[in-house]
Amino acid sequence: MAKAGATSQALKNKEKADARQVVARNKKARHEYFIDETYEAGLVLTGTEVKSLREGRASLTEAWVEIDRSGEAWLQNATIPVYVAGTWTNHAPTRKRKLLLHADEILRLGQRSREKGHTIVPLELYFIRGRAKVEIALARGKQEWDKRETLRRQQDDREARRAMSDYRKGRRE
């Protein structure tokens, strides 16, 4: 019996380790862009950057992804604040960070991002199985009327859900 309990605890620990622990989300990106494709990329980080991320401190609001001529992807302008307990070995908060992607993914992203109206934006920064990952997206910019239409649709959906909930609870008008 003790063995069965130990294995279930091990499974719970594994599920917890495999769970996605979100550090930062770029909510502005979903408002500003239509998301075409998403990719998961690893990040090359220093020790103090990882420690700062584990404290839950990061910002992706002004960040973007750039692909250089040598075929490498870089996360630009993502803010990871300096680690409070760090010393002179601390990192620069907005330095560019290399993204780890397959060569064919970088090639596809590079070709598509050169098309008119397309860009590559980070959506989410998280830990999974102890590794820092960033979810990036190939996106097309929205016009002002697109943004208003999206907000209107979200508000209509929210009102419809609220009306259905009230109806089910017996608060009929």
Protein backbone atom coordinates (compact mmCIF):
# COMPACT_ATOMS: atom_id res chain seq x y z
CA MET A 1 0.00 0.00 0.00
CA ALA A 2 2.78 2.44 0.87
CA LYS A 3 4.26 1.98 -2.58
CA ALA A 4 1.03 3.01 -4.33
CA GLY A 5 0.87 6.20 -2.25
CA ALA A 6 4.48 7.02 -3.07
CA THR A 7 3.93 6.62 -6.81
CA SER A 8 0.83 8.82 -6.76
CA GLN A 9 2.84 11.48 -4.90
CA ALA A 10 5.59 11.17 -7.50
CA LEU A 11 3.00 11.59 -10.27
CA LYS A 12 1.61 14.71 -8.56
CA ASN A 13 5.13 16.14 -8.26
CA LYS A 14 5.80 15.40 -11.94
CA GLU A 15 2.52 17.06 -12.99
CA LYS A 16 3.41 20.09 -10.91
CA ALA A 17 6.88 20.28 -12.49
CA ASP A 18 5.44 19.89 -15.99
CA ALA A 19 2.84 22.62 -15.42
CA ARG A 20 3.32 25.94 -17.14
CA GLN A 21 4.32 28.62 -14.62
CA VAL A 22 3.61 31.94 -16.34
CA VAL A 23 5.95 34.81 -15.50
CA ALA A 24 4.72 37.50 -17.92
CA ARG A 25 1.97 37.94 -20.51
CA ASN A 26 1.80 40.47 -23.31
CA LYS A 27 -1.93 41.32 -23.26
CA LYS A 28 -1.30 44.32 -25.48
CA ALA A 29 -0.14 42.06 -28.34
CA ARG A 30 -3.51 40.30 -28.64
CA HIS A 31 -5.21 43.70 -28.73
CA GLU A 32 -2.83 45.22 -31.29
CA TYR A 33 -2.38 42.23 -33.64
CA PHE A 34 -4.14 39.33 -35.35
CA ILE A 35 -2.21 36.19 -34.34
CA ASP A 36 -1.47 33.91 -37.33
CA GLU A 37 0.95 31.28 -35.97
CA THR A 38 2.51 30.64 -32.56
CA TYR A 39 5.83 29.03 -31.68
CA GLU A 40 7.51 28.00 -28.43
CA ALA A 41 11.14 29.09 -28.16
CA GLY A 42 13.80 28.58 -25.54
CA LEU A 43 15.81 31.50 -24.17
CA VAL A 44 19.54 31.89 -23.57
CA LEU A 45 19.70 33.55 -20.14
CA THR A 46 22.28 34.36 -17.48
CA GLY A 47 21.95 33.11 -13.89
CA THR A 48 20.68 36.40 -12.46
CA GLU A 49 18.05 36.64 -15.22
CA VAL A 50 16.69 33.21 -14.29
CA LYS A 51 16.60 34.13 -10.60
CA SER A 52 14.78 37.37 -11.38
CA LEU A 53 12.26 35.47 -13.56
CA ARG A 54 11.66 32.94 -10.78
CA GLU A 55 10.63 35.86 -8.59
CA GLY A 56 7.97 36.59 -11.22
CA ARG A 57 9.47 39.81 -12.50
CA ALA A 58 9.42 40.53 -16.24
CA SER A 59 7.68 42.65 -18.86
CA LEU A 60 7.01 41.92 -22.53
CA THR A 61 4.86 44.95 -23.40
CA GLU A 62 7.47 46.75 -25.53
CA ALA A 63 9.29 43.62 -26.76
CA TRP A 64 9.61 42.25 -30.28
CA VAL A 65 11.51 39.50 -32.07
CA GLU A 66 14.11 40.20 -34.73
CA ILE A 67 15.78 37.74 -37.10
CA ASP A 68 19.25 38.81 -38.20
CA ARG A 69 21.12 38.03 -41.41
CA SER A 70 23.02 35.12 -39.86
CA GLY A 71 19.74 33.27 -39.22
CA GLU A 72 19.43 33.81 -35.49
CA ALA A 73 16.31 34.99 -33.65
CA TRP A 74 16.67 37.62 -30.91
CA LEU A 75 14.19 38.85 -28.31
CA GLN A 76 14.59 42.63 -28.23
CA ASN A 77 13.60 45.07 -25.46
CA ALA A 78 12.10 42.50 -23.07
CA THR A 79 12.57 43.82 -19.55
CA ILE A 80 13.88 41.46 -16.88
CA PRO A 81 14.76 43.65 -13.88
CA VAL A 82 18.09 43.18 -12.13
CA TYR A 83 18.21 40.50 -9.44
CA VAL A 84 18.01 42.22 -6.06
CA ALA A 85 20.51 39.92 -4.34
CA GLY A 86 22.90 40.02 -7.33
CA THR A 87 26.33 41.59 -7.25
CA TRP A 88 28.48 43.14 -9.94
CA THR A 89 27.62 40.11 -12.13
CA ASN A 90 24.03 41.35 -12.61
CA HIS A 91 22.63 41.58 -16.14
CA ALA A 92 21.42 44.55 -18.19
CA PRO A 93 17.59 44.67 -17.84
CA THR A 94 16.72 45.19 -21.52
CA ARG A 95 19.56 43.42 -23.30
CA LYS A 96 18.76 41.37 -26.40
CA ARG A 97 18.38 37.66 -25.71
CA LYS A 98 18.91 34.82 -28.14
CA LEU A 99 15.92 32.59 -28.91
CA LEU A 100 16.36 28.86 -29.44
CA LEU A 101 14.31 27.67 -32.43
CA HIS A 102 14.75 25.07 -35.15
CA ALA A 103 16.43 26.36 -38.31
CA ASP A 104 13.35 25.73 -40.46
CA GLU A 105 11.17 27.68 -37.98
CA ILE A 106 13.58 30.63 -38.09
CA LEU A 107 13.61 30.51 -41.89
CA ARG A 108 9.79 30.41 -42.08
CA LEU A 109 9.43 33.23 -39.54
CA GLY A 110 12.02 35.34 -41.35
CA GLN A 111 10.30 34.95 -44.72
CA ARG A 112 6.82 35.65 -43.35
CA SER A 113 7.92 38.63 -41.23
CA ARG A 114 9.34 40.36 -44.32
CA GLU A 115 5.84 40.42 -45.85
CA LYS A 116 3.98 43.71 -45.55
CA GLY A 117 2.10 44.10 -42.28
CA HIS A 118 3.65 41.09 -40.50
CA THR A 119 5.80 41.10 -37.39
CA ILE A 120 6.93 38.69 -34.69
CA VAL A 121 5.79 39.46 -31.14
CA PRO A 122 6.26 37.64 -27.81
CA LEU A 123 3.00 36.59 -26.15
CA GLU A 124 4.03 34.84 -22.95
CA LEU A 125 7.13 34.12 -20.87
CA TYR A 126 6.94 31.02 -18.67
CA PHE A 127 8.75 28.10 -17.07
CA ILE A 128 7.98 24.53 -18.09
CA ARG A 129 9.92 21.59 -16.63
CA GLY A 130 12.35 24.12 -15.11
CA ARG A 131 13.23 25.72 -18.45
CA ALA A 132 12.43 29.31 -19.39
CA LYS A 133 10.40 29.49 -22.58
CA VAL A 134 8.76 32.27 -24.56
CA GLU A 135 5.71 31.87 -26.78
CA ILE A 136 6.15 34.02 -29.88
CA ALA A 137 3.66 34.69 -32.64
CA LEU A 138 3.70 35.71 -36.25
CA ALA A 139 1.19 38.54 -36.26
CA ARG A 140 -0.52 41.07 -38.53
CA GLY A 141 -1.25 44.58 -37.25
CA LYS A 142 -4.85 45.56 -36.61
CA GLN A 143 -6.40 48.77 -37.85
CA GLU A 144 -8.16 51.03 -35.34
CA TRP A 145 -11.60 49.84 -36.45
CA ASP A 146 -10.48 46.20 -36.03
CA LYS A 147 -9.58 46.93 -32.41
CA ARG A 148 -12.95 48.58 -31.77
CA GLU A 149 -14.78 45.66 -33.41
CA THR A 150 -12.89 43.15 -31.24
CA LEU A 151 -13.74 45.07 -28.07
CA ARG A 152 -17.40 45.33 -29.13
CA ARG A 153 -17.57 41.59 -29.82
CA GLN A 154 -16.02 40.77 -26.43
CA GLN A 155 -18.49 43.05 -24.66
CA ASP A 156 -21.44 41.48 -26.53
CA ASP A 157 -20.24 37.98 -25.59
CA ARG A 158 -19.87 39.00 -21.95
CA GLU A 159 -23.40 40.47 -21.89
CA ALA A 160 -24.84 37.35 -23.54
CA ARG A 161 -23.14 35.07 -20.98
CA ARG A 162 -24.43 37.26 -18.15
CA ALA A 163 -27.99 37.18 -19.57
CA MET A 164 -27.88 33.39 -19.93
CA SER A 165 -26.57 33.03 -16.38
CA ASP A 166 -29.35 35.25 -15.03
CA TYR A 167 -31.93 33.29 -17.02
CA ARG A 168 -30.68 29.96 -15.61
CA LYS A 169 -30.74 31.31 -12.06
CA GLY A 170 -34.37 32.31 -12.47
CA ARG A 171 -33.88 36.05 -12.65
CA ARG A 172 -35.93 36.46 -15.79
CA GLU A 173 -36.76 39.98 -16.94
